[in-house]
N, C-alpha and C. Protein backbone atom coordinates (compact mmCIF):
# COMPACT_ATOMS: atom_id res chain seq x y z
N MET A 1 -8.54 23.45 9.46
CA MET A 1 -8.38 21.90 8.80
C MET A 1 -9.74 22.25 7.95
N LYS A 2 -9.61 21.71 6.32
CA LYS A 2 -10.45 22.04 5.74
C LYS A 2 -11.79 20.86 5.55
N GLN A 3 -12.91 21.29 5.63
CA GLN A 3 -13.82 20.26 5.31
C GLN A 3 -14.51 20.20 3.54
N PHE A 4 -14.81 18.91 3.34
CA PHE A 4 -15.31 18.86 2.10
C PHE A 4 -16.55 18.50 1.71
N ASP A 5 -16.25 19.50 0.76
CA ASP A 5 -18.31 19.74 -0.04
C ASP A 5 -18.44 18.04 -0.34
N PRO A 6 -19.59 17.43 0.20
CA PRO A 6 -20.19 16.48 0.36
C PRO A 6 -20.68 15.75 -1.61
N LYS A 7 -20.66 17.04 -1.87
CA LYS A 7 -21.21 16.56 -3.91
C LYS A 7 -19.18 16.12 -4.28
N GLN A 8 -18.29 16.68 -3.72
CA GLN A 8 -17.12 16.49 -4.58
C GLN A 8 -16.66 15.36 -4.03
N LEU A 9 -17.09 14.86 -2.57
CA LEU A 9 -16.85 13.81 -2.16
C LEU A 9 -17.45 12.49 -3.02
N ASP A 10 -18.65 12.73 -3.49
CA ASP A 10 -19.98 11.87 -4.29
C ASP A 10 -19.07 11.65 -5.70
N ASP A 11 -19.09 13.24 -6.04
CA ASP A 11 -18.07 12.94 -7.51
C ASP A 11 -17.08 11.98 -7.73
N MET A 12 -16.27 12.42 -6.50
CA MET A 12 -14.91 11.16 -6.96
C MET A 12 -15.38 9.88 -6.85
N ALA A 13 -16.14 9.50 -5.93
CA ALA A 13 -16.53 8.13 -5.23
C ALA A 13 -17.03 7.42 -6.51
N ARG A 14 -18.28 7.99 -7.48
CA ARG A 14 -18.58 7.62 -8.60
C ARG A 14 -17.64 7.35 -9.57
N HIS A 15 -16.86 8.58 -9.70
CA HIS A 15 -15.38 8.41 -10.97
C HIS A 15 -14.98 7.21 -10.37
N LEU A 16 -14.54 7.13 -9.38
CA LEU A 16 -13.52 5.43 -9.07
C LEU A 16 -14.44 4.23 -8.94
N ALA A 17 -15.80 4.07 -8.82
CA ALA A 17 -16.79 3.46 -8.90
C ALA A 17 -16.86 2.92 -10.73
N ASP A 18 -17.21 4.19 -11.31
CA ASP A 18 -17.17 3.74 -12.35
C ASP A 18 -15.96 3.26 -13.06
N ALA A 19 -15.03 3.46 -12.34
CA ALA A 19 -13.46 2.89 -13.46
C ALA A 19 -13.36 1.43 -13.03
N MET A 20 -14.23 0.73 -12.06
CA MET A 20 -14.06 -0.25 -11.93
C MET A 20 -14.74 -1.29 -12.84
N PRO A 21 -14.03 -2.63 -12.99
CA PRO A 21 -14.06 -3.54 -13.89
C PRO A 21 -16.02 -3.91 -13.91
N SER A 22 -16.21 -3.96 -15.15
CA SER A 22 -17.45 -4.45 -15.87
C SER A 22 -18.24 -5.33 -14.50
N ARG A 23 -17.62 -6.42 -14.64
CA ARG A 23 -17.98 -7.60 -13.85
C ARG A 23 -18.32 -7.60 -12.28
N LEU A 24 -17.88 -5.99 -11.97
CA LEU A 24 -18.31 -6.00 -10.84
C LEU A 24 -19.30 -4.73 -10.23
N SER A 25 -20.21 -4.70 -11.58
CA SER A 25 -20.92 -3.44 -12.00
C SER A 25 -22.13 -3.68 -10.66
N GLY A 26 -22.50 -4.78 -10.30
CA GLY A 26 -23.37 -5.55 -9.53
C GLY A 26 -23.30 -4.80 -7.99
N LEU A 27 -21.92 -4.53 -7.60
CA LEU A 27 -22.03 -4.02 -6.91
C LEU A 27 -22.06 -2.71 -6.21
N SER A 28 -22.13 -1.96 -7.61
CA SER A 28 -21.18 -0.51 -7.75
C SER A 28 -21.48 0.20 -6.69
N ASP A 29 -23.08 0.36 -6.00
CA ASP A 29 -23.53 1.17 -5.46
C ASP A 29 -22.83 0.91 -3.84
N ASP A 30 -22.59 -0.60 -3.58
CA ASP A 30 -21.94 -0.70 -2.17
C ASP A 30 -20.41 -0.23 -2.33
N ILE A 31 -20.08 -0.42 -3.63
CA ILE A 31 -18.27 0.26 -3.94
C ILE A 31 -18.26 1.59 -3.89
N GLU A 32 -19.47 1.82 -4.34
CA GLU A 32 -19.35 3.61 -4.52
C GLU A 32 -19.32 4.34 -2.98
N GLN A 33 -20.22 3.30 -1.90
CA GLN A 33 -20.35 4.00 -0.80
C GLN A 33 -19.35 3.49 -0.09
N ALA A 34 -18.62 2.67 -0.16
CA ALA A 34 -17.15 2.18 0.51
C ALA A 34 -16.24 3.49 0.00
N LEU A 35 -15.70 3.60 -0.99
CA LEU A 35 -14.92 4.74 -1.51
C LEU A 35 -15.64 6.01 -0.78
N ARG A 36 -16.81 6.54 -0.76
CA ARG A 36 -17.48 7.64 -0.48
C ARG A 36 -16.68 7.79 1.02
N HIS A 37 -16.92 6.57 1.78
CA HIS A 37 -16.55 6.91 3.13
C HIS A 37 -15.05 6.94 3.30
N THR A 38 -14.57 5.80 2.35
CA THR A 38 -13.21 5.87 2.56
C THR A 38 -12.16 7.21 2.61
N LEU A 39 -12.82 7.60 1.17
CA LEU A 39 -12.18 9.00 0.67
C LEU A 39 -12.50 9.81 1.81
N ALA A 40 -13.55 10.00 2.78
CA ALA A 40 -13.68 11.15 3.49
C ALA A 40 -12.68 11.01 4.77
N SER A 41 -12.54 10.28 5.09
CA SER A 41 -11.89 9.76 6.24
C SER A 41 -10.07 9.79 5.87
N THR A 42 -9.74 9.45 4.63
CA THR A 42 -8.48 9.58 4.52
C THR A 42 -8.37 11.36 4.50
N LEU A 43 -9.29 11.81 3.54
CA LEU A 43 -9.04 13.33 3.22
C LEU A 43 -9.06 14.07 4.72
N ASN A 44 -9.86 13.59 5.76
CA ASN A 44 -9.82 14.37 6.68
C ASN A 44 -8.85 14.12 7.95
N ARG A 45 -8.50 13.07 7.69
CA ARG A 45 -7.14 12.84 8.37
C ARG A 45 -5.68 13.70 7.57
N LEU A 46 -6.11 14.15 6.50
CA LEU A 46 -4.94 14.44 6.06
C LEU A 46 -4.21 15.99 6.76
N ASP A 47 -5.81 16.48 7.05
CA ASP A 47 -5.56 17.74 7.77
C ASP A 47 -5.50 18.76 7.08
N LEU A 48 -5.66 19.26 5.83
CA LEU A 48 -5.54 19.81 4.37
C LEU A 48 -6.06 21.36 5.15
N VAL A 49 -5.94 21.97 4.34
CA VAL A 49 -6.10 23.82 4.34
C VAL A 49 -6.59 23.95 3.17
N THR A 50 -7.59 25.22 2.97
CA THR A 50 -7.88 25.75 1.77
C THR A 50 -6.23 26.56 0.68
N ARG A 51 -6.83 26.80 0.40
CA ARG A 51 -5.51 27.79 -0.52
C ARG A 51 -5.88 29.12 0.10
N GLU A 52 -7.26 29.79 0.21
CA GLU A 52 -6.88 30.67 1.08
C GLU A 52 -6.35 30.97 2.45
N GLU A 53 -6.47 30.12 3.23
CA GLU A 53 -5.65 29.41 4.34
C GLU A 53 -3.98 29.70 4.38
N PHE A 54 -3.77 29.06 3.10
CA PHE A 54 -2.35 28.58 3.00
C PHE A 54 -1.65 29.86 2.47
N ASP A 55 -2.19 30.99 1.72
CA ASP A 55 -1.92 32.10 1.02
C ASP A 55 -1.92 33.13 2.57
N VAL A 56 -2.97 32.97 3.53
CA VAL A 56 -2.57 34.39 4.32
C VAL A 56 -1.50 33.40 5.19
N GLN A 57 -1.24 32.45 5.47
CA GLN A 57 -0.58 32.24 6.43
C GLN A 57 0.91 32.38 5.74
N ALA A 58 0.82 32.08 4.19
CA ALA A 58 2.36 32.71 4.44
C ALA A 58 2.77 33.94 3.89
N ALA A 59 1.79 34.87 3.62
CA ALA A 59 2.06 36.05 3.72
C ALA A 59 2.13 36.42 5.31
N VAL A 60 1.58 36.09 6.33
CA VAL A 60 2.10 35.98 7.94
C VAL A 60 3.72 35.86 7.87
N LEU A 61 3.92 34.56 7.46
CA LEU A 61 5.05 33.97 7.47
C LEU A 61 6.01 35.05 7.08
N LEU A 62 6.03 35.54 5.62
CA LEU A 62 6.73 36.36 4.87
C LEU A 62 7.02 37.80 6.02
N CYS A 63 5.89 37.96 6.66
CA CYS A 63 5.87 39.53 7.03
C CYS A 63 6.75 39.48 8.34
N THR A 64 6.39 37.99 9.10
CA THR A 64 7.67 37.77 10.45
C THR A 64 9.07 37.95 9.64
N ARG A 65 9.25 37.04 8.66
CA ARG A 65 10.47 37.13 7.86
C ARG A 65 11.15 37.96 8.26
N GLU A 66 10.67 39.18 7.15
CA GLU A 66 10.90 40.84 7.18
C GLU A 66 11.19 41.31 8.44
N LYS A 67 10.34 41.23 9.44
CA LYS A 67 10.96 41.61 10.61
C LYS A 67 11.75 41.00 11.45
N LEU A 68 12.23 39.43 11.08
CA LEU A 68 13.06 39.04 12.06
C LEU A 68 14.64 39.60 11.69
N GLU A 69 14.57 39.71 10.26
CA GLU A 69 15.64 40.42 9.42
C GLU A 69 15.71 41.77 9.54
N ALA A 70 15.17 42.58 9.94
CA ALA A 70 15.15 43.81 10.47
C ALA A 70 15.85 43.99 12.08
N LEU A 71 15.21 42.98 12.69
CA LEU A 71 15.56 43.00 13.89
C LEU A 71 16.69 42.40 14.30
N GLN A 72 17.46 41.65 13.52
CA GLN A 72 18.96 41.12 13.22
C GLN A 72 19.88 42.08 13.09
N GLU A 73 19.44 42.98 12.10
CA GLU A 73 20.18 44.18 11.20
C GLU A 73 20.65 45.33 12.51
N ILE A 74 19.41 45.32 13.52
CA ILE A 74 19.82 46.30 14.43
C ILE A 74 20.67 45.39 15.64
N VAL A 75 20.26 44.29 16.17
CA VAL A 75 21.23 43.61 16.87
C VAL A 75 22.21 43.74 16.57
N THR A 76 22.81 43.45 15.52
CA THR A 76 24.15 43.40 14.70
C THR A 76 24.70 45.30 14.83
N GLN A 77 23.91 45.48 14.50
CA GLN A 77 24.75 47.24 14.42
C GLN A 77 24.96 47.62 16.03
N MET A 78 24.22 47.08 16.61
CA MET A 78 24.08 47.68 18.65
C MET A 78 25.31 46.75 18.97
N GLU A 79 25.42 45.59 18.28
CA GLU A 79 27.10 45.24 18.57
C GLU A 79 28.14 45.71 18.31
N GLN A 80 28.58 46.10 17.47
CA GLN A 80 28.93 47.07 16.65
C GLN A 80 29.60 47.95 17.25
N GLN A 81 28.38 48.68 17.92
CA GLN A 81 28.51 49.64 18.31
C GLN A 81 28.98 49.56 19.76
N ASP A 82 29.38 48.27 20.61
CA ASP A 82 29.97 48.40 21.91
C ASP A 82 30.89 47.87 21.39
N ARG A 83 31.45 47.36 20.74
CA ARG A 83 33.14 47.11 20.59
C ARG A 83 33.87 47.91 20.40
């Protein structure tokens, strides 16, 4: 599972807090803190992986798929020989 950089969470929370209406500016610190907490818990629940982890698993899957296809071909040839 990917751990999020606290700086990225801070930046996202700050950006969202800055987008709040100006009449809420007195609550900006509280809003930013609540947004930071909500973002962190939501993103952690998503069970995301890094792009590098995804690419590694995609390569493993491709290799496995190729081996399976080769084995299926061998089984098909063996079945044809038995007939």
